[in-house]
Amino acid sequence: MRIRDLTISLAVALALAGCDKLNRVKSENPVMGPPPPRMSLQNTDDPHTKYVDSSSVDSNALGEDSPEVVPVAMEPSVPVPGGDLSGTQVVATVDGMPIFASEIVERYSEQLAKAQEQLPPEHFRQARLQLIRRDLESHIDRKVLVMALERSVPPEQMKQLQTHLEGAFQEDIARLREQFNVTSTVELDMQLRQKKTSLSELRHAFINQQMAMQFLGAKSQKKEKIGREDLLEWYHEHEEDYRITGKVKWQQLLISWAAHGGRTNALRKLEEAIEELRQGADFADVARKHSDGPTATDGGNWDWTPEGSLSDERVERTLFQLDVGKISQVLVGEDSFQLVKVIERQDGGMKEFATLQDEIRNRIRQEHRREAAKEILNDLRERALIETIFDAEEAAQPQQAVSEDISLPFN
């Protein structure tokens, strides 16, 4: 079997953001138990077998001790890419444990229902298959992590964790009831089924996602001392992250030659404006009266303008050198005269290291946890038997993409 290159799922990113709520349940000296007997998609009694996904079971029948997958029945199906792909089709196995098509497409159920009305059947099937191919790796990652957690945590602590997660899911149910403006869980489930999903499917996804986060959050924690030298090294390696871009608020009085019949007439107009300014007139009033610039009606005012954003380098250089409140000398362009005035300016530079040490320390820890999470997941995947419905196709044509690139309408 060909194992795909590692791709870190959403669980990794969320685990790196912190699992404080879940870390209340911890195992002491967890020992990784033996993996379950390895099974192959090809080694089942019937190569066309498919499982019935637990998400098809009513949520009321699923207590906190319910297994992740409830194999209720076996039905023949076409194990492709090739034929129809039903929700209960097994699209991958991890050490013999199935991942169903429904687990992947559940979050897109409402959009898929609309797409099915708009696309020809074959195009819809191809689009749905591409969607499964695109998201399958993250579901494999999650399955690997959940199974590792189940092997490493003693049964009593696993029960505590499941109880904790059930409580968290009940909080989500309360939020959803408010969102859908319903008063009971039954009404909520009816609303969700209209959107081609259900409470049981949401529960299944929520519990497994949180368990994956719990495992990564616990395993990737490292107690390490990060010294000043480490902080300084990070600061200098990531200078662009801490660079402040200068910006300026300013006013412009622009007199174009074309608007006044040529350079000579434009110069006369400029002299009128300058004389009014010498007499103490407000720059904004003079700009409204004489300027041809794009902000003339607003008194020539420009909001915060980042350094490096102006095409006229001479104007920009003047704005970042001129004293605040001062009016510039006449700037002569190829087709205009202009005066500029600096209203307010914030000079660029670097954020002070002294104010960033806590932030940098947290970023270093997050980076270390991210690297640890990648190593953990990579190791688990290497030790697992992972098979998908796409393996044979990829083995035959490892570099070839999907034959027909059909996007769903909601992409």
Protein backbone atom coordinates (compact mmCIF):
# COMPACT_ATOMS: atom_id res chain seq x y z
CA MET A 1 0.00 0.00 0.00
CA ARG A 2 1.22 3.46 -0.82
CA ILE A 3 0.93 5.86 2.12
CA ARG A 4 0.40 9.45 1.13
CA ASP A 5 2.69 12.26 2.17
CA LEU A 6 1.78 13.82 5.49
CA THR A 7 -0.80 16.58 5.45
CA ILE A 8 -1.69 18.21 8.73
CA SER A 9 -5.41 18.52 9.27
CA LEU A 10 -7.46 21.25 10.87
CA ALA A 11 -7.07 19.34 14.12
CA VAL A 12 -3.40 20.24 14.18
CA ALA A 13 -4.01 23.96 13.78
CA LEU A 14 -6.71 23.95 16.43
CA ALA A 15 -4.61 21.90 18.81
CA LEU A 16 -1.78 24.39 18.43
CA ALA A 17 -4.14 27.19 19.37
CA GLY A 18 -4.60 25.46 22.71
CA CYS A 19 -6.73 22.75 24.27
CA ASP A 20 -7.25 24.24 27.73
CA LYS A 21 -10.85 23.15 27.88
CA LEU A 22 -10.02 19.56 26.99
CA ASN A 23 -6.80 19.22 28.92
CA ARG A 24 -8.72 18.97 32.15
CA VAL A 25 -8.90 15.26 31.40
CA LYS A 26 -5.38 13.88 31.39
CA SER A 27 -3.91 10.42 31.55
CA GLU A 28 -1.08 9.62 33.94
CA ASN A 29 1.78 7.76 32.29
CA PRO A 30 -0.31 6.71 29.29
CA VAL A 31 0.94 3.57 27.60
CA MET A 32 0.36 3.01 23.92
CA GLY A 33 -1.48 -0.27 23.64
CA PRO A 34 -1.17 -2.67 20.73
CA PRO A 35 -2.94 -1.58 17.55
CA PRO A 36 -6.04 -3.49 16.51
CA PRO A 37 -5.66 -6.34 14.02
CA ARG A 38 -4.89 -4.90 10.62
CA MET A 39 -7.50 -5.35 7.96
CA SER A 40 -7.38 -4.46 4.34
CA LEU A 41 -10.08 -3.19 2.06
CA GLN A 42 -9.04 -5.98 -0.24
CA ASN A 43 -9.01 -8.66 2.48
CA THR A 44 -12.63 -8.57 3.52
CA ASP A 45 -14.78 -11.58 2.68
CA ASP A 46 -16.58 -9.53 0.06
CA PRO A 47 -14.47 -6.92 -1.76
CA HIS A 48 -17.67 -5.04 -2.53
CA THR A 49 -18.71 -4.81 1.11
CA LYS A 50 -19.62 -1.50 2.63
CA TYR A 51 -20.33 -0.55 6.22
CA VAL A 52 -23.28 1.33 7.59
CA ASP A 53 -22.02 4.57 9.10
CA SER A 54 -22.90 5.39 12.71
CA SER A 55 -24.11 8.78 11.52
CA SER A 56 -27.15 7.04 10.08
CA VAL A 57 -28.21 5.92 13.56
CA ASP A 58 -30.63 8.17 15.43
CA SER A 59 -28.90 10.46 17.94
CA ASN A 60 -31.15 9.26 20.77
CA ALA A 61 -29.72 5.78 20.38
CA LEU A 62 -26.18 7.00 20.87
CA GLY A 63 -25.21 7.27 24.50
CA GLU A 64 -21.87 8.45 25.77
CA ASP A 65 -20.54 4.88 25.73
CA SER A 66 -21.52 4.28 22.12
CA PRO A 67 -18.71 3.05 19.86
CA GLU A 68 -17.42 5.33 17.15
CA VAL A 69 -18.69 3.05 14.36
CA VAL A 70 -21.81 0.93 14.54
CA PRO A 71 -21.62 -1.83 11.90
CA VAL A 72 -25.33 -2.47 11.55
CA ALA A 73 -25.41 -4.11 8.17
CA MET A 74 -23.38 -5.05 5.17
CA GLU A 75 -24.45 -4.11 1.68
CA PRO A 76 -22.85 -4.74 -1.70
CA SER A 77 -21.48 -1.67 -3.47
CA VAL A 78 -19.05 -0.70 -6.21
CA PRO A 79 -15.70 0.14 -4.52
CA VAL A 80 -14.50 2.87 -6.86
CA PRO A 81 -13.76 5.68 -8.33
CA GLY A 82 -15.89 4.22 -11.04
CA GLY A 83 -19.47 3.78 -9.97
CA ASP A 84 -21.88 5.51 -7.66
CA LEU A 85 -20.49 6.53 -4.28
CA SER A 86 -23.12 6.32 -1.56
CA GLY A 87 -22.85 7.89 1.87
CA THR A 88 -22.25 4.50 3.49
CA GLN A 89 -19.42 3.60 1.10
CA VAL A 90 -16.10 2.99 2.85
CA VAL A 91 -13.63 5.37 1.22
CA ALA A 92 -10.66 4.48 3.43
CA THR A 93 -9.61 2.23 6.29
CA VAL A 94 -7.08 2.87 9.05
CA ASP A 95 -5.95 -0.43 10.59
CA GLY A 96 -9.21 -1.91 9.42
CA MET A 97 -11.45 0.84 10.85
CA PRO A 98 -13.58 2.46 8.14
CA ILE A 99 -13.97 6.06 7.07
CA PHE A 100 -17.29 6.57 5.31
CA ALA A 101 -18.09 8.91 2.46
CA SER A 102 -20.78 10.46 4.64
CA GLU A 103 -18.18 11.59 7.21
CA ILE A 104 -16.50 13.70 4.55
CA VAL A 105 -19.46 15.14 2.66
CA GLU A 106 -21.68 15.76 5.71
CA ARG A 107 -20.48 19.34 6.15
CA TYR A 108 -21.30 20.06 2.49
CA SER A 109 -24.66 18.28 2.49
CA GLU A 110 -26.85 21.34 1.87
CA GLN A 111 -24.61 22.63 -0.91
CA LEU A 112 -24.36 19.19 -2.47
CA ALA A 113 -28.15 18.92 -2.55
CA LYS A 114 -28.31 22.19 -4.50
CA ALA A 115 -25.45 21.11 -6.78
CA GLN A 116 -27.24 17.86 -7.58
CA GLU A 117 -30.14 19.89 -8.95
CA GLN A 118 -27.82 21.95 -11.17
CA LEU A 119 -25.32 19.42 -12.53
CA PRO A 120 -25.76 16.44 -14.83
CA PRO A 121 -25.52 13.18 -12.86
CA GLU A 122 -22.05 12.24 -14.12
CA HIS A 123 -20.66 15.73 -13.47
CA PHE A 124 -22.16 15.73 -10.00
CA ARG A 125 -20.65 12.32 -9.26
CA GLN A 126 -17.23 13.49 -10.41
CA ALA A 127 -17.48 16.70 -8.39
CA ARG A 128 -18.51 14.79 -5.26
CA LEU A 129 -15.66 12.35 -5.78
CA GLN A 130 -13.19 15.23 -6.10
CA LEU A 131 -14.54 16.67 -2.87
CA ILE A 132 -13.92 13.37 -1.09
CA ARG A 133 -10.44 13.11 -2.59
CA ARG A 134 -9.61 16.66 -1.47
CA ASP A 135 -10.76 16.25 2.16
CA LEU A 136 -9.94 12.59 2.75
CA GLU A 137 -6.42 13.13 4.11
CA SER A 138 -7.61 15.32 6.99
CA HIS A 139 -10.16 12.64 7.94
CA ILE A 140 -7.46 9.98 7.86
CA ASP A 141 -5.34 12.16 10.14
CA ARG A 142 -8.22 12.51 12.56
CA LYS A 143 -8.96 8.78 12.53
CA VAL A 144 -5.30 7.97 13.23
CA LEU A 145 -5.26 10.40 16.16
CA VAL A 146 -8.55 9.19 17.66
CA MET A 147 -7.42 5.57 17.49
CA ALA A 148 -4.10 6.48 19.12
CA LEU A 149 -5.96 8.25 21.92
CA GLU A 150 -8.21 5.26 22.49
CA ARG A 151 -5.17 2.97 22.75
CA SER A 152 -3.22 5.26 25.08
CA VAL A 153 -5.88 6.31 27.59
CA PRO A 154 -7.17 3.86 30.25
CA PRO A 155 -10.88 2.97 29.90
CA GLU A 156 -11.94 4.94 32.97
CA GLN A 157 -10.25 8.10 31.76
CA MET A 158 -11.65 7.58 28.27
CA LYS A 159 -15.11 7.45 29.81
CA GLN A 160 -14.40 10.71 31.67
CA LEU A 161 -13.23 12.33 28.44
CA GLN A 162 -16.32 11.17 26.56
CA THR A 163 -18.52 12.55 29.35
CA HIS A 164 -16.68 15.84 29.17
CA LEU A 165 -17.09 16.02 25.39
CA GLU A 166 -20.77 15.11 25.60
CA GLY A 167 -21.20 18.10 27.92
CA ALA A 168 -19.38 20.34 25.47
CA PHE A 169 -21.58 19.06 22.65
CA GLN A 170 -24.70 19.83 24.70
CA GLU A 171 -23.48 23.42 24.91
CA ASP A 172 -23.25 23.44 21.13
CA ILE A 173 -26.78 22.06 20.90
CA ALA A 174 -28.04 24.95 23.08
CA ARG A 175 -26.29 27.41 20.78
CA LEU A 176 -27.78 25.74 17.70
CA ARG A 177 -31.29 25.79 19.19
CA GLU A 178 -30.95 29.53 19.62
CA GLN A 179 -29.52 29.92 16.13
CA PHE A 180 -32.38 27.97 14.54
CA ASN A 181 -34.94 29.56 16.88
CA VAL A 182 -36.30 26.25 18.18
CA THR A 183 -37.06 25.14 21.74
CA SER A 184 -36.39 21.40 21.64
CA THR A 185 -33.70 19.04 20.42
CA VAL A 186 -36.27 17.20 18.31
CA GLU A 187 -37.16 20.41 16.46
CA LEU A 188 -33.47 21.15 15.99
CA ASP A 189 -32.84 17.72 14.49
CA MET A 190 -35.77 18.24 12.09
CA GLN A 191 -34.29 21.58 11.00
CA LEU A 192 -30.88 20.00 10.47
CA ARG A 193 -32.35 17.14 8.43
CA GLN A 194 -33.93 19.71 6.12
CA LYS A 195 -30.38 20.91 5.52
CA LYS A 196 -29.31 17.31 4.74
CA THR A 197 -27.54 16.67 8.05
CA SER A 198 -28.53 15.61 11.57
CA LEU A 199 -27.60 15.88 15.23
CA SER A 200 -26.05 12.42 15.18
CA GLU A 201 -23.77 13.41 12.30
CA LEU A 202 -22.78 16.63 14.04
CA ARG A 203 -22.12 14.73 17.27
CA HIS A 204 -19.97 12.15 15.49
CA ALA A 205 -17.84 14.86 13.83
CA PHE A 206 -17.61 16.97 16.99
CA ILE A 207 -16.55 14.13 19.31
CA ASN A 208 -13.92 12.80 16.92
CA GLN A 209 -12.52 16.24 16.16
CA GLN A 210 -12.22 17.08 19.85
CA MET A 211 -10.61 13.72 20.64
CA ALA A 212 -8.01 14.29 17.93
CA MET A 213 -7.31 17.73 19.36
CA GLN A 214 -7.03 16.26 22.86
CA PHE A 215 -4.44 13.72 21.76
CA LEU A 216 -2.31 16.21 19.85
CA GLY A 217 -2.64 18.84 22.56
CA ALA A 218 -1.40 16.44 25.23
CA LYS A 219 1.36 14.79 23.19
CA SER A 220 2.82 17.96 21.67
CA GLN A 221 3.19 19.83 24.98
CA LYS A 222 6.83 20.38 25.84
CA LYS A 223 8.23 22.01 28.95
CA GLU A 224 11.25 23.89 27.72
CA LYS A 225 13.22 26.93 28.72
CA ILE A 226 13.33 29.62 26.07
CA GLY A 227 16.13 32.06 26.86
CA ARG A 228 16.87 35.61 25.77
CA GLU A 229 19.20 34.40 23.01
CA ASP A 230 16.40 32.30 21.55
CA LEU A 231 14.09 35.32 21.62
CA LEU A 232 16.62 37.59 19.95
CA GLU A 233 17.36 35.01 17.27
CA TRP A 234 13.63 34.73 16.45
CA TYR A 235 13.27 38.53 16.48
CA HIS A 236 16.04 39.01 13.92
CA GLU A 237 14.89 36.08 11.75
CA HIS A 238 11.36 37.50 11.59
CA GLU A 239 12.12 41.21 11.29
CA GLU A 240 9.46 41.70 8.63
CA ASP A 241 6.82 40.59 11.14
CA TYR A 242 7.83 43.37 13.51
CA ARG A 243 8.48 46.14 11.02
CA ILE A 244 6.20 49.18 11.24
CA THR A 245 5.29 50.79 7.92
CA GLY A 246 5.32 54.57 8.04
CA LYS A 247 2.14 56.39 7.10
CA VAL A 248 1.00 59.96 6.64
CA LYS A 249 -2.19 62.01 6.53
CA TRP A 250 -1.88 64.89 4.12
CA GLN A 251 -3.52 67.50 1.91
CA GLN A 252 -2.96 68.16 -1.75
CA LEU A 253 -3.47 71.20 -3.96
CA LEU A 254 -2.94 70.11 -7.56
CA ILE A 255 -3.27 72.35 -10.60
CA SER A 256 -3.07 70.50 -13.90
CA TRP A 257 -1.90 72.25 -17.03
CA ALA A 258 -4.56 70.69 -19.24
CA ALA A 259 -7.42 71.94 -17.06
CA HIS A 260 -6.26 75.55 -17.53
CA GLY A 261 -5.21 75.63 -21.17
CA GLY A 262 -1.53 75.01 -20.68
CA ARG A 263 1.39 75.57 -18.36
CA THR A 264 1.28 79.41 -18.35
CA ASN A 265 -2.36 79.68 -17.30
CA ALA A 266 -1.88 76.91 -14.73
CA LEU A 267 1.01 78.90 -13.25
CA ARG A 268 -1.20 81.97 -12.88
CA LYS A 269 -3.78 79.83 -11.07
CA LEU A 270 -1.07 78.50 -8.78
CA GLU A 271 0.12 82.01 -7.93
CA GLU A 272 -3.45 82.98 -6.95
CA ALA A 273 -3.63 80.01 -4.64
CA ILE A 274 -0.22 80.73 -3.08
CA GLU A 275 -1.18 84.36 -2.45
CA GLU A 276 -4.33 83.29 -0.61
CA LEU A 277 -2.27 80.93 1.52
CA ARG A 278 0.16 83.77 2.33
CA GLN A 279 -2.79 85.86 3.45
CA GLY A 280 -3.64 83.15 5.97
CA ALA A 281 -6.40 81.28 4.12
CA ASP A 282 -7.05 77.69 5.23
CA PHE A 283 -5.33 75.11 3.00
CA ALA A 284 -8.55 73.08 2.69
CA ASP A 285 -10.54 76.14 1.53
CA VAL A 286 -7.89 77.02 -1.06
CA ALA A 287 -7.82 73.42 -2.30
CA ARG A 288 -11.61 73.36 -2.72
CA LYS A 289 -11.38 76.59 -4.73
CA HIS A 290 -8.36 75.96 -6.93
CA SER A 291 -7.32 72.27 -6.92
CA ASP A 292 -7.93 69.81 -9.74
CA GLY A 293 -6.92 66.84 -7.59
CA PRO A 294 -9.18 63.82 -6.90
CA THR A 295 -9.87 64.96 -3.31
CA ALA A 296 -10.38 68.65 -4.08
CA THR A 297 -14.01 68.69 -2.94
CA ASP A 298 -12.87 67.29 0.40
CA GLY A 299 -10.34 70.07 0.89
CA GLY A 300 -7.55 68.03 -0.72
CA ASN A 301 -7.52 65.63 2.26
CA TRP A 302 -5.94 62.19 1.93
CA ASP A 303 -6.41 59.61 4.69
CA TRP A 304 -3.55 57.51 6.08
CA THR A 305 -1.25 56.72 3.16
CA PRO A 306 1.34 53.93 3.71
CA GLU A 307 4.95 54.63 2.84
CA GLY A 308 5.82 53.22 -0.56
CA SER A 309 2.27 53.38 -1.92
CA LEU A 310 2.55 56.58 -4.00
CA SER A 311 3.66 56.37 -7.62
CA ASP A 312 5.22 59.85 -7.51
CA GLU A 313 8.41 59.25 -5.54
CA ARG A 314 9.11 62.98 -5.17
CA VAL A 315 5.74 63.62 -3.55
CA GLU A 316 6.22 60.67 -1.20
CA ARG A 317 9.73 61.74 -0.25
CA THR A 318 8.42 65.23 0.53
CA LEU A 319 5.59 63.89 2.68
CA PHE A 320 7.97 61.82 4.82
CA GLN A 321 10.55 64.59 5.20
CA LEU A 322 8.38 67.69 5.59
CA ASP A 323 7.61 68.91 9.10
CA VAL A 324 4.09 68.22 10.29
CA GLY A 325 1.84 71.24 9.67
CA LYS A 326 4.12 72.73 7.01
CA ILE A 327 3.32 73.38 3.35
CA SER A 328 5.82 72.17 0.76
CA GLN A 329 7.58 74.10 -1.96
CA VAL A 330 5.95 73.92 -5.39
CA LEU A 331 6.41 70.44 -6.85
CA VAL A 332 6.62 70.68 -10.63
CA GLY A 333 5.52 67.59 -12.48
CA GLU A 334 5.33 66.67 -16.16
CA ASP A 335 1.81 68.05 -16.47
CA SER A 336 0.95 69.78 -13.21
CA PHE A 337 1.96 71.88 -10.23
CA GLN A 338 1.16 70.86 -6.71
CA LEU A 339 1.54 71.78 -3.07
CA VAL A 340 1.26 69.27 -0.24
CA LYS A 341 0.79 69.73 3.51
CA VAL A 342 1.48 67.10 6.20
CA ILE A 343 -1.36 66.80 8.71
CA GLU A 344 -0.08 63.83 10.75
CA ARG A 345 2.65 61.24 10.32
CA GLN A 346 3.76 58.00 11.92
CA ASP A 347 7.30 57.11 11.00
CA GLY A 348 8.24 53.53 10.16
CA GLY A 349 10.76 51.35 11.94
CA MET A 350 10.94 48.24 14.08
CA LYS A 351 8.82 47.39 17.11
CA GLU A 352 10.94 47.42 20.22
CA PHE A 353 12.24 44.00 21.23
CA ALA A 354 11.56 44.69 24.91
CA THR A 355 7.82 44.94 24.26
CA LEU A 356 7.69 41.71 22.24
CA GLN A 357 9.37 39.12 24.42
CA ASP A 358 6.18 37.43 25.71
CA GLU A 359 4.70 37.36 22.19
CA ILE A 360 7.87 35.88 20.70
CA ARG A 361 8.12 33.27 23.47
CA ASN A 362 4.55 32.14 22.71
CA ARG A 363 5.27 32.02 18.98
CA ILE A 364 8.36 29.87 19.56
CA ARG A 365 6.34 27.50 21.73
CA GLN A 366 3.63 27.28 19.09
CA GLU A 367 6.23 26.55 16.44
CA HIS A 368 7.75 23.79 18.57
CA ARG A 369 4.32 22.32 19.24
CA ARG A 370 3.52 22.45 15.54
CA GLU A 371 6.71 20.57 14.70
CA ALA A 372 6.03 18.05 17.46
CA ALA A 373 2.47 17.54 16.18
CA LYS A 374 3.77 16.88 12.68
CA GLU A 375 6.24 14.32 13.98
CA ILE A 376 3.57 12.61 16.08
CA LEU A 377 1.12 12.37 13.22
CA ASN A 378 3.78 11.29 10.76
CA ASP A 379 4.91 8.51 13.10
CA LEU A 380 1.35 7.30 13.68
CA ARG A 381 0.63 7.24 9.96
CA GLU A 382 3.81 5.32 9.20
CA ARG A 383 2.85 2.64 11.72
CA ALA A 384 -0.76 2.36 10.49
CA LEU A 385 -2.14 0.42 7.57
CA ILE A 386 -3.98 3.05 5.54
CA GLU A 387 -5.91 2.19 2.41
CA THR A 388 -8.21 4.33 0.29
CA ILE A 389 -10.38 3.86 -2.76
CA PHE A 390 -7.88 6.01 -4.70
CA ASP A 391 -4.78 3.86 -4.05
CA ALA A 392 -4.96 1.67 -7.14
CA GLU A 393 -5.58 4.66 -9.38
CA GLU A 394 -2.67 6.61 -7.89
CA ALA A 395 -0.34 3.63 -8.07
CA ALA A 396 -1.08 3.29 -11.78
CA GLN A 397 -0.81 7.02 -12.49
CA PRO A 398 0.99 8.64 -9.55
CA GLN A 399 1.42 12.05 -11.17
CA GLN A 400 -1.92 12.33 -12.95
CA ALA A 401 -4.60 14.57 -11.53
CA VAL A 402 -8.33 13.93 -11.64
CA SER A 403 -9.36 13.33 -15.23
CA GLU A 404 -11.99 16.03 -15.35
CA ASP A 405 -11.83 19.12 -13.17
CA ILE A 406 -15.42 19.84 -12.26
CA SER A 407 -16.08 22.34 -9.49
CA LEU A 408 -19.16 22.37 -7.36
CA PRO A 409 -21.26 25.55 -7.67
CA PHE A 410 -20.47 26.59 -4.08
CA ASN A 411 -16.65 26.44 -4.46
